[in-house]
Amino acid sequence: MKKMEFEIKINAPAKKVWQVLWNDATYRKWTSVFSEGSHAVSDWKEGSKIQFLDTKGSGMYSVIESLKPNEYMAFKHLGEVKDFKEQPDTKETNSWKGAMETYLLKEEDGITTLYLKSDSNEEFEGYFKDTFPKALALIKKLAERPIEITVETPVKAPVEKVWKLFTAPEHITKWNNASEDWHTPAAQNDLKVNGRFVYRMEAKDGSFGFDFGGVYNEVKPNEAIAYTMDDGRKAKISFINSGKETKVIETFEAETENSLDLQQGGWQSILNNFKNYVESNS
């Protein structure tokens, strides 16, 4: 078994590089150099099994031997998958069974060095020497620019009504929560370019709360809103008018404290709550 080592410096914190590596959407992008449609199926817990598959359900299955969030991931490859089913050992799979693939992240002054080590038999050595550097270059590219998340929903109401209920403070306080145990007791909204908005978001039991605020970069009534959040991230909302229905599309730059899936789920829940509020106020 040949041991290969690669490394790359990335101008991004380790948390963001980790997101790029293992979030489903970005994982699919950088692993496309190995196979278009490449993806992983796992609960992403240490000791759990993981399948690395293409669109036809072919690939290999492995185990997550070690996982330290934002620092280290190690896979031990075990066997082959065909048609989404794990296959019995063969002479060929036994030649690479037990091969390790590891990812180590070391951050210094906001720069992360990603070290990748992989075992390979001689048959695939040349292939991996060519593809792993391409994959690392994609990881670097994805991590060094903002990661954008998009959520959307169709609302059964004309765009004028959707716009009003989305932007008026007295309505924002009614729908701006992702779950029943949260609410927005106060909202201020100076809806103009360079105007500021602040939504006070709190747990109903009073255990936690924060101000979500920012400044508008673009305001086109009944069409689009763009703003910069207080932490510097940007977001844009588009209102697509089709008469009796309006599609609302929100695109925002992700943060690094929470997983991309959690962020997407939270924003989608708020948008779904907005849809329900509008449609119940006919």
C-alpha atoms as a PDB file:
ATOM      1  CA  MET A   1       0.000   0.000   0.000  1.00  0.00           C
ATOM      2  CA  LYS A   2       1.337   3.404  -1.020  1.00  0.00           C
ATOM      3  CA  LYS A   3       1.035   6.302   1.421  1.00  0.00           C
ATOM      4  CA  MET A   4       0.356   9.659  -0.219  1.00  0.00           C
ATOM      5  CA  GLU A   5       0.483  13.053   1.483  1.00  0.00           C
ATOM      6  CA  PHE A   6      -0.871  16.400   0.313  1.00  0.00           C
ATOM      7  CA  GLU A   7      -1.285  19.804   1.909  1.00  0.00           C
ATOM      8  CA  ILE A   8      -2.655  23.228   1.081  1.00  0.00           C
ATOM      9  CA  LYS A   9      -2.858  26.585   2.857  1.00  0.00           C
ATOM     10  CA  ILE A  10      -6.296  28.173   2.940  1.00  0.00           C
ATOM     11  CA  ASN A  11      -7.053  31.774   3.845  1.00  0.00           C
ATOM     12  CA  ALA A  12      -9.985  30.871   6.084  1.00  0.00           C
ATOM     13  CA  PRO A  13     -10.535  29.682   9.676  1.00  0.00           C
ATOM     14  CA  ALA A  14     -10.583  25.964  10.402  1.00  0.00           C
ATOM     15  CA  LYS A  15     -14.315  26.054  11.207  1.00  0.00           C
ATOM     16  CA  LYS A  16     -15.107  27.254   7.707  1.00  0.00           C
ATOM     17  CA  VAL A  17     -12.780  24.742   6.042  1.00  0.00           C
ATOM     18  CA  TRP A  18     -14.468  22.022   8.094  1.00  0.00           C
ATOM     19  CA  GLN A  19     -17.870  23.191   6.847  1.00  0.00           C
ATOM     20  CA  VAL A  20     -16.685  23.030   3.261  1.00  0.00           C
ATOM     21  CA  LEU A  21     -15.230  19.571   3.752  1.00  0.00           C
ATOM     22  CA  TRP A  22     -18.241  17.830   5.281  1.00  0.00           C
ATOM     23  CA  ASN A  23     -21.422  19.780   4.569  1.00  0.00           C
ATOM     24  CA  ASP A  24     -23.385  17.900   1.918  1.00  0.00           C
ATOM     25  CA  ALA A  25     -23.706  20.743  -0.601  1.00  0.00           C
ATOM     26  CA  THR A  26     -20.029  21.752  -0.545  1.00  0.00           C
ATOM     27  CA  TYR A  27     -18.814  18.145  -0.168  1.00  0.00           C
ATOM     28  CA  ARG A  28     -20.533  17.307  -3.460  1.00  0.00           C
ATOM     29  CA  LYS A  29     -18.750  20.223  -5.149  1.00  0.00           C
ATOM     30  CA  TRP A  30     -15.165  19.352  -4.233  1.00  0.00           C
ATOM     31  CA  THR A  31     -15.614  15.586  -4.633  1.00  0.00           C
ATOM     32  CA  SER A  32     -16.979  16.094  -8.146  1.00  0.00           C
ATOM     33  CA  VAL A  33     -13.364  15.821  -9.334  1.00  0.00           C
ATOM     34  CA  PHE A  34     -13.538  12.119  -8.470  1.00  0.00           C
ATOM     35  CA  SER A  35     -17.031  11.502  -9.854  1.00  0.00           C
ATOM     36  CA  GLU A  36     -19.849  13.822 -10.878  1.00  0.00           C
ATOM     37  CA  GLY A  37     -22.637  13.436  -8.351  1.00  0.00           C
ATOM     38  CA  SER A  38     -20.300  12.031  -5.716  1.00  0.00           C
ATOM     39  CA  HIS A  39     -21.808  12.137  -2.226  1.00  0.00           C
ATOM     40  CA  ALA A  40     -21.557  10.553   1.209  1.00  0.00           C
ATOM     41  CA  VAL A  41     -24.224   8.819   3.286  1.00  0.00           C
ATOM     42  CA  SER A  42     -23.622   8.814   7.048  1.00  0.00           C
ATOM     43  CA  ASP A  43     -24.751  10.243  10.359  1.00  0.00           C
ATOM     44  CA  TRP A  44     -21.220  11.701  10.612  1.00  0.00           C
ATOM     45  CA  LYS A  45     -20.486  10.338  14.079  1.00  0.00           C
ATOM     46  CA  GLU A  46     -17.257   8.742  15.264  1.00  0.00           C
ATOM     47  CA  GLY A  47     -17.484   4.972  14.890  1.00  0.00           C
ATOM     48  CA  SER A  48     -20.323   5.155  12.351  1.00  0.00           C
ATOM     49  CA  LYS A  49     -20.314   3.630   8.915  1.00  0.00           C
ATOM     50  CA  ILE A  50     -20.139   5.880   5.868  1.00  0.00           C
ATOM     51  CA  GLN A  51     -20.759   5.159   2.193  1.00  0.00           C
ATOM     52  CA  PHE A  52     -19.021   7.131  -0.559  1.00  0.00           C
ATOM     53  CA  LEU A  53     -21.235   6.835  -3.631  1.00  0.00           C
ATOM     54  CA  ASP A  54     -21.776   8.063  -7.170  1.00  0.00           C
ATOM     55  CA  THR A  55     -25.200   8.730  -8.704  1.00  0.00           C
ATOM     56  CA  LYS A  56     -25.666   5.028  -9.524  1.00  0.00           C
ATOM     57  CA  GLY A  57     -24.997   3.847  -5.989  1.00  0.00           C
ATOM     58  CA  SER A  58     -21.516   2.542  -6.678  1.00  0.00           C
ATOM     59  CA  GLY A  59     -18.516   3.271  -4.503  1.00  0.00           C
ATOM     60  CA  MET A  60     -17.158   2.047  -1.206  1.00  0.00           C
ATOM     61  CA  TYR A  61     -18.110   1.789   2.419  1.00  0.00           C
ATOM     62  CA  SER A  62     -15.905   2.803   5.305  1.00  0.00           C
ATOM     63  CA  VAL A  63     -15.975   3.611   8.994  1.00  0.00           C
ATOM     64  CA  ILE A  64     -15.351   6.992  10.630  1.00  0.00           C
ATOM     65  CA  GLU A  65     -12.487   5.868  12.824  1.00  0.00           C
ATOM     66  CA  SER A  66     -11.803   9.267  14.406  1.00  0.00           C
ATOM     67  CA  LEU A  67     -13.594  12.628  14.387  1.00  0.00           C
ATOM     68  CA  LYS A  68     -12.600  15.829  16.180  1.00  0.00           C
ATOM     69  CA  PRO A  69     -14.744  18.715  14.904  1.00  0.00           C
ATOM     70  CA  ASN A  70     -12.777  21.432  13.099  1.00  0.00           C
ATOM     71  CA  GLU A  71      -9.552  19.444  13.579  1.00  0.00           C
ATOM     72  CA  TYR A  72      -9.390  15.875  12.368  1.00  0.00           C
ATOM     73  CA  MET A  73     -11.293  13.256  10.365  1.00  0.00           C
ATOM     74  CA  ALA A  74     -10.107   9.700   9.688  1.00  0.00           C
ATOM     75  CA  PHE A  75     -11.798   7.087   7.506  1.00  0.00           C
ATOM     76  CA  LYS A  76     -10.915   3.403   7.316  1.00  0.00           C
ATOM     77  CA  HIS A  77     -12.058   1.967   3.980  1.00  0.00           C
ATOM     78  CA  LEU A  78     -13.622  -1.481   4.212  1.00  0.00           C
ATOM     79  CA  GLY A  79     -15.236  -2.636   0.987  1.00  0.00           C
ATOM     80  CA  GLU A  80     -17.170  -2.015  -2.213  1.00  0.00           C
ATOM     81  CA  VAL A  81     -20.737  -0.833  -2.796  1.00  0.00           C
ATOM     82  CA  LYS A  82     -22.787  -1.624  -5.920  1.00  0.00           C
ATOM     83  CA  ASP A  83     -26.398  -0.610  -6.517  1.00  0.00           C
ATOM     84  CA  PHE A  84     -26.368   0.906  -3.019  1.00  0.00           C
ATOM     85  CA  LYS A  85     -25.540  -2.491  -1.459  1.00  0.00           C
ATOM     86  CA  GLU A  86     -22.348  -3.472   0.340  1.00  0.00           C
ATOM     87  CA  GLN A  87     -20.589  -6.303  -1.479  1.00  0.00           C
ATOM     88  CA  PRO A  88     -18.754  -9.368  -0.118  1.00  0.00           C
ATOM     89  CA  ASP A  89     -14.961  -9.172   0.047  1.00  0.00           C
ATOM     90  CA  THR A  90     -13.055 -10.103  -3.095  1.00  0.00           C
ATOM     91  CA  LYS A  91      -9.392 -10.475  -3.904  1.00  0.00           C
ATOM     92  CA  GLU A  92      -9.450  -6.960  -5.346  1.00  0.00           C
ATOM     93  CA  THR A  93     -11.128  -5.315  -2.348  1.00  0.00           C
ATOM     94  CA  ASN A  94      -8.864  -7.202   0.043  1.00  0.00           C
ATOM     95  CA  SER A  95      -5.924  -5.484  -1.671  1.00  0.00           C
ATOM     96  CA  TRP A  96      -7.051  -2.117  -0.259  1.00  0.00           C
ATOM     97  CA  LYS A  97      -9.277  -3.067   2.676  1.00  0.00           C
ATOM     98  CA  GLY A  98      -8.157  -1.182   5.779  1.00  0.00           C
ATOM     99  CA  ALA A  99      -6.722   1.717   3.792  1.00  0.00           C
ATOM    100  CA  MET A 100      -6.804   5.001   5.723  1.00  0.00           C
ATOM    101  CA  GLU A 101      -7.744   8.489   4.563  1.00  0.00           C
ATOM    102  CA  THR A 102      -7.218  11.363   7.003  1.00  0.00           C
ATOM    103  CA  TYR A 103      -7.802  15.126   7.070  1.00  0.00           C
ATOM    104  CA  LEU A 104      -5.956  17.308   9.592  1.00  0.00           C
ATOM    105  CA  LEU A 105      -6.630  21.045   9.996  1.00  0.00           C
ATOM    106  CA  LYS A 106      -4.166  23.384  11.706  1.00  0.00           C
ATOM    107  CA  GLU A 107      -5.053  27.071  12.008  1.00  0.00           C
ATOM    108  CA  GLU A 108      -2.655  29.935  12.700  1.00  0.00           C
ATOM    109  CA  ASP A 109      -3.611  33.624  12.474  1.00  0.00           C
ATOM    110  CA  GLY A 110      -6.746  32.805  10.498  1.00  0.00           C
ATOM    111  CA  ILE A 111      -4.862  30.698   7.942  1.00  0.00           C
ATOM    112  CA  THR A 112      -5.653  26.976   7.908  1.00  0.00           C
ATOM    113  CA  THR A 113      -3.296  24.336   6.590  1.00  0.00           C
ATOM    114  CA  LEU A 114      -5.131  21.227   5.465  1.00  0.00           C
ATOM    115  CA  TYR A 115      -3.080  18.012   5.541  1.00  0.00           C
ATOM    116  CA  LEU A 116      -4.500  15.057   3.640  1.00  0.00           C
ATOM    117  CA  LYS A 117      -3.052  11.556   3.873  1.00  0.00           C
ATOM    118  CA  SER A 118      -4.331   8.578   1.920  1.00  0.00           C
ATOM    119  CA  ASP A 119      -3.330   4.958   1.423  1.00  0.00           C
ATOM    120  CA  SER A 120      -3.611   3.559  -2.097  1.00  0.00           C
ATOM    121  CA  ASN A 121      -2.654   0.450  -3.986  1.00  0.00           C
ATOM    122  CA  GLU A 122      -0.362   0.875  -7.000  1.00  0.00           C
ATOM    123  CA  GLU A 123      -3.245   0.614  -9.462  1.00  0.00           C
ATOM    124  CA  PHE A 124      -4.828   3.880  -8.297  1.00  0.00           C
ATOM    125  CA  GLU A 125      -1.729   5.767  -7.172  1.00  0.00           C
ATOM    126  CA  GLY A 126      -1.425   7.832 -10.338  1.00  0.00           C
ATOM    127  CA  TYR A 127      -5.115   8.642 -10.379  1.00  0.00           C
ATOM    128  CA  PHE A 128      -5.123   9.942  -6.804  1.00  0.00           C
ATOM    129  CA  LYS A 129      -1.913  11.921  -7.306  1.00  0.00           C
ATOM    130  CA  ASP A 130      -3.755  13.750 -10.062  1.00  0.00           C
ATOM    131  CA  THR A 131      -7.189  14.160  -8.475  1.00  0.00           C
ATOM    132  CA  PHE A 132      -6.430  14.923  -4.814  1.00  0.00           C
ATOM    133  CA  PRO A 133      -4.574  18.191  -5.622  1.00  0.00           C
ATOM    134  CA  LYS A 134      -7.553  19.238  -7.790  1.00  0.00           C
ATOM    135  CA  ALA A 135      -9.906  18.468  -4.910  1.00  0.00           C
ATOM    136  CA  LEU A 136      -7.779  20.491  -2.483  1.00  0.00           C
ATOM    137  CA  ALA A 137      -7.761  23.429  -4.888  1.00  0.00           C
ATOM    138  CA  LEU A 138     -11.570  23.328  -4.968  1.00  0.00           C
ATOM    139  CA  ILE A 139     -11.754  23.169  -1.165  1.00  0.00           C
ATOM    140  CA  LYS A 140      -9.502  26.240  -0.999  1.00  0.00           C
ATOM    141  CA  LYS A 141     -11.638  28.103  -3.529  1.00  0.00           C
ATOM    142  CA  LEU A 142     -14.881  27.293  -1.700  1.00  0.00           C
ATOM    143  CA  ALA A 143     -13.487  28.167   1.742  1.00  0.00           C
ATOM    144  CA  GLU A 144     -11.913  31.473   0.697  1.00  0.00           C
ATOM    145  CA  ARG A 145     -15.158  32.969  -0.523  1.00  0.00           C
ATOM    146  CA  PRO A 146     -18.523  33.333   1.222  1.00  0.00           C
ATOM    147  CA  ILE A 147     -20.650  30.210   1.420  1.00  0.00           C
ATOM    148  CA  GLU A 148     -24.136  31.138   0.280  1.00  0.00           C
ATOM    149  CA  ILE A 149     -27.324  29.394   1.389  1.00  0.00           C
ATOM    150  CA  THR A 150     -30.664  29.827  -0.384  1.00  0.00           C
ATOM    151  CA  VAL A 151     -34.142  29.218   0.988  1.00  0.00           C
ATOM    152  CA  GLU A 152     -37.413  29.896  -0.800  1.00  0.00           C
ATOM    153  CA  THR A 153     -41.153  29.433  -0.646  1.00  0.00           C
ATOM    154  CA  PRO A 154     -44.186  30.211  -2.813  1.00  0.00           C
ATOM    155  CA  VAL A 155     -46.774  32.415  -1.074  1.00  0.00           C
ATOM    156  CA  LYS A 156     -50.371  32.431  -2.266  1.00  0.00           C
ATOM    157  CA  ALA A 157     -50.806  36.187  -2.243  1.00  0.00           C
ATOM    158  CA  PRO A 158     -50.099  39.125  -4.583  1.00  0.00           C
ATOM    159  CA  VAL A 159     -46.660  40.680  -4.315  1.00  0.00           C
ATOM    160  CA  GLU A 160     -47.934  43.960  -2.829  1.00  0.00           C
ATOM    161  CA  LYS A 161     -49.368  42.128   0.171  1.00  0.00           C
ATOM    162  CA  VAL A 162     -46.307  39.912   0.537  1.00  0.00           C
ATOM    163  CA  TRP A 163     -44.020  42.948   0.491  1.00  0.00           C
ATOM    164  CA  LYS A 164     -46.076  44.810   3.103  1.00  0.00           C
ATOM    165  CA  LEU A 165     -46.257  41.898   5.550  1.00  0.00           C
ATOM    166  CA  PHE A 166     -42.569  41.126   5.067  1.00  0.00           C
ATOM    167  CA  THR A 167     -41.367  44.660   5.786  1.00  0.00           C
ATOM    168  CA  ALA A 168     -43.824  46.318   8.203  1.00  0.00           C
ATOM    169  CA  PRO A 169     -42.625  46.081  11.849  1.00  0.00           C
ATOM    170  CA  GLU A 170     -46.129  45.378  13.199  1.00  0.00           C
ATOM    171  CA  HIS A 171     -46.239  42.270  10.978  1.00  0.00           C
ATOM    172  CA  ILE A 172     -42.587  41.215  11.404  1.00  0.00           C
ATOM    173  CA  THR A 173     -43.191  40.696  15.116  1.00  0.00           C
ATOM    174  CA  LYS A 174     -45.965  38.215  14.244  1.00  0.00           C
ATOM    175  CA  TRP A 175     -44.032  35.844  11.970  1.00  0.00           C
ATOM    176  CA  ASN A 176     -40.285  36.255  12.596  1.00  0.00           C
ATOM    177  CA  ASN A 177     -39.582  33.068  14.579  1.00  0.00           C
ATOM    178  CA  ALA A 178     -38.302  29.632  13.609  1.00  0.00           C
ATOM    179  CA  SER A 179     -40.175  27.733  16.329  1.00  0.00           C
ATOM    180  CA  GLU A 180     -43.041  28.209  18.775  1.00  0.00           C
ATOM    181  CA  ASP A 181     -40.697  28.760  21.730  1.00  0.00           C
ATOM    182  CA  TRP A 182     -39.166  31.881  20.125  1.00  0.00           C
ATOM    183  CA  HIS A 183     -40.668  35.259  19.247  1.00  0.00           C
ATOM    184  CA  THR A 184     -39.781  38.767  18.097  1.00  0.00           C
ATOM    185  CA  PRO A 185     -41.156  41.184  20.709  1.00  0.00           C
ATOM    186  CA  ALA A 186     -39.894  44.304  18.893  1.00  0.00           C
ATOM    187  CA  ALA A 187     -38.865  45.311  15.379  1.00  0.00           C
ATOM    188  CA  GLN A 188     -37.559  48.527  13.831  1.00  0.00           C
ATOM    189  CA  ASN A 189     -37.269  48.892  10.076  1.00  0.00           C
ATOM    190  CA  ASP A 190     -36.060  51.984   8.197  1.00  0.00           C
ATOM    191  CA  LEU A 191     -36.737  50.549   4.745  1.00  0.00           C
ATOM    192  CA  LYS A 192     -34.448  52.574   2.476  1.00  0.00           C
ATOM    193  CA  VAL A 193     -30.901  52.406   1.152  1.00  0.00           C
ATOM    194  CA  ASN A 194     -28.535  52.999   4.108  1.00  0.00           C
ATOM    195  CA  GLY A 195     -31.509  52.596   6.439  1.00  0.00           C
ATOM    196  CA  ARG A 196     -31.157  50.307   9.426  1.00  0.00           C
ATOM    197  CA  PHE A 197     -33.282  47.449  10.725  1.00  0.00           C
ATOM    198  CA  VAL A 198     -33.195  45.712  14.121  1.00  0.00           C
ATOM    199  CA  TYR A 199     -35.310  42.733  15.166  1.00  0.00           C
ATOM    200  CA  ARG A 200     -35.195  41.701  18.819  1.00  0.00           C
ATOM    201  CA  MET A 201     -35.367  37.894  18.918  1.00  0.00           C
ATOM    202  CA  GLU A 202     -35.889  36.090  22.228  1.00  0.00           C
ATOM    203  CA  ALA A 203     -36.743  32.711  23.677  1.00  0.00           C
ATOM    204  CA  LYS A 204     -40.213  32.979  25.199  1.00  0.00           C
ATOM    205  CA  ASP A 205     -38.944  31.688  28.547  1.00  0.00           C
ATOM    206  CA  GLY A 206     -36.503  34.611  28.701  1.00  0.00           C
ATOM    207  CA  SER A 207     -33.433  32.372  28.754  1.00  0.00           C
ATOM    208  CA  PHE A 208     -31.761  33.914  25.713  1.00  0.00           C
ATOM    209  CA  GLY A 209     -32.144  36.752  23.240  1.00  0.00           C
ATOM    210  CA  PHE A 210     -30.254  38.786  20.654  1.00  0.00           C
ATOM    211  CA  ASP A 211     -30.647  41.647  18.198  1.00  0.00           C
ATOM    212  CA  PHE A 212     -30.641  40.725  14.522  1.00  0.00           C
ATOM    213  CA  GLY A 213     -29.774  43.867  12.602  1.00  0.00           C
ATOM    214  CA  GLY A 214     -28.156  45.368   9.563  1.00  0.00           C
ATOM    215  CA  VAL A 215     -28.131  48.116   6.950  1.00  0.00           C
ATOM    216  CA  TYR A 216     -29.893  48.086   3.581  1.00  0.00           C
ATOM    217  CA  ASN A 217     -27.806  48.169   0.405  1.00  0.00           C
ATOM    218  CA  GLU A 218     -30.748  47.908  -2.005  1.00  0.00           C
ATOM    219  CA  VAL A 219     -34.492  48.444  -1.747  1.00  0.00           C
ATOM    220  CA  LYS A 220     -36.724  47.923  -4.806  1.00  0.00           C
ATOM    221  CA  PRO A 221     -40.353  47.901  -3.664  1.00  0.00           C
ATOM    222  CA  ASN A 222     -42.159  44.649  -4.510  1.00  0.00           C
ATOM    223  CA  GLU A 223     -38.985  43.306  -6.164  1.00  0.00           C
ATOM    224  CA  ALA A 224     -35.847  42.994  -4.062  1.00  0.00           C
ATOM    225  CA  ILE A 225     -34.073  43.804  -0.801  1.00  0.00           C
ATOM    226  CA  ALA A 226     -30.340  43.499  -0.117  1.00  0.00           C
ATOM    227  CA  TYR A 227     -28.616  44.191   3.188  1.00  0.00           C
ATOM    228  CA  THR A 228     -25.424  43.763   5.160  1.00  0.00           C
ATOM    229  CA  MET A 229     -25.812  42.205   8.597  1.00  0.00           C
ATOM    230  CA  ASP A 230     -24.063  43.665  11.633  1.00  0.00           C
ATOM    231  CA  ASP A 231     -21.449  40.894  11.457  1.00  0.00           C
ATOM    232  CA  GLY A 232     -20.590  41.825   7.843  1.00  0.00           C
ATOM    233  CA  ARG A 233     -22.425  39.026   6.084  1.00  0.00           C
ATOM    234  CA  LYS A 234     -24.673  39.886   3.144  1.00  0.00           C
ATOM    235  CA  ALA A 235     -28.157  38.754   2.217  1.00  0.00           C
ATOM    236  CA  LYS A 236     -30.615  39.319  -0.606  1.00  0.00           C
ATOM    237  CA  ILE A 237     -34.352  38.708  -0.863  1.00  0.00           C
ATOM    238  CA  SER A 238     -36.166  38.499  -4.182  1.00  0.00           C
ATOM    239  CA  PHE A 239     -39.940  38.696  -4.653  1.00  0.00           C
ATOM    240  CA  ILE A 240     -40.997  36.963  -7.877  1.00  0.00           C
ATOM    241  CA  ASN A 241     -44.467  38.125  -8.894  1.00  0.00           C
ATOM    242  CA  SER A 242     -46.734  35.758 -10.820  1.00  0.00           C
ATOM    243  CA  GLY A 243     -50.077  37.434 -10.162  1.00  0.00           C
ATOM    244  CA  LYS A 244     -51.921  35.652  -7.369  1.00  0.00           C
ATOM    245  CA  GLU A 245     -48.740  33.975  -6.099  1.00  0.00           C
ATOM    246  CA  THR A 246     -45.357  35.361  -5.081  1.00  0.00           C
ATOM    247  CA  LYS A 247     -42.162  33.363  -4.710  1.00  0.00           C
ATOM    248  CA  VAL A 248     -39.873  34.653  -1.969  1.00  0.00           C
ATOM    249  CA  ILE A 249     -36.209  33.691  -2.348  1.00  0.00           C
ATOM    250  CA  GLU A 250     -33.643  34.489   0.357  1.00  0.00           C
ATOM    251  CA  THR A 251     -29.905  34.041  -0.209  1.00  0.00           C
ATOM    252  CA  PHE A 252     -27.515  34.708   2.664  1.00  0.00           C
ATOM    253  CA  GLU A 253     -23.864  34.239   3.524  1.00  0.00           C
ATOM    254  CA  ALA A 254     -23.357  31.532   6.113  1.00  0.00           C
ATOM    255  CA  GLU A 255     -21.639  31.981   9.473  1.00  0.00           C
ATOM    256  CA  THR A 256     -19.229  29.472  10.986  1.00  0.00           C
ATOM    257  CA  GLU A 257     -20.641  28.933  14.489  1.00  0.00           C
ATOM    258  CA  ASN A 258     -23.442  26.617  13.360  1.00  0.00           C
ATOM    259  CA  SER A 259     -23.630  23.914  10.712  1.00  0.00           C
ATOM    260  CA  LEU A 260     -24.864  24.900   7.262  1.00  0.00           C
ATOM    261  CA  ASP A 261     -27.772  22.471   7.612  1.00  0.00           C
ATOM    262  CA  LEU A 262     -28.835  24.088  10.892  1.00  0.00           C
ATOM    263  CA  GLN A 263     -28.625  27.571   9.372  1.00  0.00           C
ATOM    264  CA  GLN A 264     -30.592  26.558   6.304  1.00  0.00           C
ATOM    265  CA  GLY A 265     -33.212  24.860   8.449  1.00  0.00           C
ATOM    266  CA  GLY A 266     -33.602  27.883  10.710  1.00  0.00           C
ATOM    267  CA  TRP A 267     -33.998  30.406   7.896  1.00  0.00           C
ATOM    268  CA  GLN A 268     -36.352  28.076   6.035  1.00  0.00           C
ATOM    269  CA  SER A 269     -38.506  27.665   9.145  1.00  0.00           C
ATOM    270  CA  ILE A 270     -38.832  31.434   9.525  1.00  0.00           C
ATOM    271  CA  LEU A 271     -39.734  31.771   5.848  1.00  0.00           C
ATOM    272  CA  ASN A 272     -42.300  28.985   6.164  1.00  0.00           C
ATOM    273  CA  ASN A 273     -43.761  30.803   9.173  1.00  0.00           C
ATOM    274  CA  PHE A 274     -43.990  33.958   7.073  1.00  0.00           C
ATOM    275  CA  LYS A 275     -45.832  32.041   4.328  1.00  0.00           C
ATOM    276  CA  ASN A 276     -48.341  30.669   6.835  1.00  0.00           C
ATOM    277  CA  TYR A 277     -48.876  34.122   8.351  1.00  0.00           C
ATOM    278  CA  VAL A 278     -49.557  35.761   4.984  1.00  0.00           C
ATOM    279  CA  GLU A 279     -51.866  33.023   3.764  1.00  0.00           C
ATOM    280  CA  SER A 280     -53.851  33.043   7.015  1.00  0.00           C
ATOM    281  CA  ASN A 281     -54.360  36.826   6.758  1.00  0.00           C
ATOM    282  CA  SER A 282     -56.379  36.944   3.557  1.00  0.00           C
END
